[in-house]
Amino acid sequence: MRTMLMIVALLVTGISPVAAQGKGIRLWNLTAETISSFQLSAPGQNLWGANQTLNDKDKEVDHDERLRITDVAPGRYDARVGYRDGRSCMVHGIEIRANAVFSIADKDLKECSK
């Protein structure tokens, strides 16, 4: 009953339940290329989570596009970023905050290999 009252109150005030929760965590691709895979790990652990690009409708993140990140708690992470040409790069110490955007740019990419 309490949940139903909350939903009705949100609808009356013009706020949808999804909007009330915020936009979630998002990655902003500021690299020069389209990202084809993006995985996170606790710093220094190399235990990679799911490929977050699968959350996108075309399964890739173009330059200047934002990607919703799911099933990740706020905190510090390392990222493994993959590109169409098979190149893979690391980004260390990304700070992820709830309902916020974090970006990755070419200057952040380290330890790239093919």
Protein backbone atom coordinates (compact mmCIF):
# COMPACT_ATOMS: atom_id res chain seq x y z
CA MET A 1 0.00 0.00 0.00
CA ARG A 2 2.83 2.38 0.88
CA THR A 3 4.49 1.80 -2.50
CA MET A 4 1.23 2.51 -4.31
CA LEU A 5 0.79 5.78 -2.40
CA MET A 6 4.33 6.82 -3.29
CA ILE A 7 3.76 6.11 -6.99
CA VAL A 8 0.49 8.06 -6.97
CA ALA A 9 2.20 10.99 -5.21
CA LEU A 10 4.99 10.98 -7.79
CA LEU A 11 2.53 10.88 -10.68
CA VAL A 12 0.48 13.73 -9.21
CA THR A 13 3.61 15.87 -8.86
CA GLY A 14 4.70 14.99 -12.40
CA ILE A 15 7.75 12.95 -11.43
CA SER A 16 7.98 9.43 -12.78
CA PRO A 17 9.34 6.68 -10.47
CA VAL A 18 12.31 6.21 -12.86
CA ALA A 19 13.17 9.93 -12.77
CA ALA A 20 12.91 9.91 -8.98
CA GLN A 21 15.67 7.28 -8.88
CA GLY A 22 18.06 9.41 -10.96
CA LYS A 23 19.69 8.65 -14.28
CA GLY A 24 22.09 6.10 -12.85
CA ILE A 25 25.80 5.77 -13.52
CA ARG A 26 26.91 6.66 -17.05
CA LEU A 27 30.17 6.49 -19.01
CA TRP A 28 30.88 9.34 -21.42
CA ASN A 29 33.19 8.21 -24.23
CA LEU A 30 35.56 11.08 -24.95
CA THR A 31 38.09 8.86 -26.73
CA ALA A 32 38.56 9.36 -30.46
CA GLU A 33 37.17 5.90 -31.28
CA THR A 34 34.11 3.75 -30.77
CA ILE A 35 34.38 1.53 -27.69
CA SER A 36 33.33 -2.07 -28.36
CA SER A 37 33.88 -3.45 -24.85
CA PHE A 38 34.06 -1.89 -21.40
CA GLN A 39 34.65 -3.88 -18.22
CA LEU A 40 35.31 -2.86 -14.61
CA SER A 41 37.33 -4.47 -11.83
CA ALA A 42 38.26 -3.54 -8.29
CA PRO A 43 41.63 -1.72 -8.49
CA GLY A 44 44.53 -4.09 -9.08
CA GLN A 45 42.35 -7.23 -8.99
CA ASN A 46 41.97 -8.03 -12.73
CA LEU A 47 38.62 -9.69 -12.00
CA TRP A 48 36.59 -8.21 -14.83
CA GLY A 49 32.84 -7.75 -14.70
CA ALA A 50 30.36 -7.94 -17.54
CA ASN A 51 30.89 -6.12 -20.83
CA GLN A 52 28.89 -2.96 -20.19
CA THR A 53 28.65 -2.06 -23.90
CA LEU A 54 26.01 -4.79 -24.16
CA ASN A 55 23.71 -2.30 -22.36
CA ASP A 56 23.74 -0.11 -25.50
CA LYS A 57 21.24 -0.68 -28.32
CA ASP A 58 24.02 -1.17 -30.92
CA LYS A 59 26.42 -2.80 -28.40
CA GLU A 60 29.07 -0.08 -28.90
CA VAL A 61 29.74 3.40 -27.51
CA ASP A 62 30.56 6.00 -30.15
CA HIS A 63 32.73 9.06 -29.51
CA ASP A 64 30.75 11.58 -27.39
CA GLU A 65 28.07 8.98 -26.58
CA ARG A 66 27.03 8.06 -23.05
CA LEU A 67 26.49 4.52 -21.82
CA ARG A 68 24.43 3.47 -18.82
CA ILE A 69 26.51 1.34 -16.44
CA THR A 70 24.57 -1.34 -14.57
CA ASP A 71 25.16 -3.56 -11.54
CA VAL A 72 28.11 -1.47 -10.31
CA ALA A 73 28.28 0.18 -6.89
CA PRO A 74 29.88 3.60 -6.45
CA GLY A 75 33.61 3.41 -5.72
CA ARG A 76 37.02 3.25 -7.41
CA TYR A 77 37.63 0.89 -10.31
CA ASP A 78 40.07 -0.07 -13.02
CA ALA A 79 38.60 -0.38 -16.51
CA ARG A 80 39.49 -2.45 -19.53
CA VAL A 81 38.47 -0.64 -22.72
CA GLY A 82 38.31 -2.52 -26.03
CA TYR A 83 38.10 -1.18 -29.57
CA ARG A 84 36.89 -2.60 -32.91
CA ASP A 85 40.45 -3.12 -34.19
CA GLY A 86 41.24 -5.48 -31.29
CA ARG A 87 43.21 -2.93 -29.29
CA SER A 88 42.63 -3.05 -25.53
CA CYS A 89 43.66 -0.39 -22.99
CA MET A 90 43.54 0.04 -19.23
CA VAL A 91 42.28 3.00 -17.25
CA HIS A 92 43.24 2.97 -13.56
CA GLY A 93 41.50 4.47 -10.55
CA ILE A 94 38.21 5.64 -12.07
CA GLU A 95 35.97 7.19 -9.44
CA ILE A 96 32.35 6.20 -9.98
CA ARG A 97 29.61 8.07 -8.13
CA ALA A 98 25.91 7.25 -7.87
CA ASN A 99 23.72 8.94 -10.50
CA ALA A 100 26.74 10.63 -12.08
CA VAL A 101 28.63 10.65 -15.35
CA PHE A 102 32.31 9.70 -15.53
CA SER A 103 34.36 10.10 -18.68
CA ILE A 104 37.23 8.35 -20.40
CA ALA A 105 39.48 10.30 -22.78
CA ASP A 106 42.49 9.26 -24.88
CA LYS A 107 44.85 10.74 -22.25
CA ASP A 108 43.45 8.28 -19.67
CA LEU A 109 44.29 5.16 -21.70
CA LYS A 110 47.32 3.18 -20.43
CA GLU A 111 48.94 -0.15 -21.21
CA CYS A 112 47.37 -0.50 -24.66
CA SER A 113 47.94 -3.71 -26.59
CA LYS A 114 46.59 -5.55 -29.61
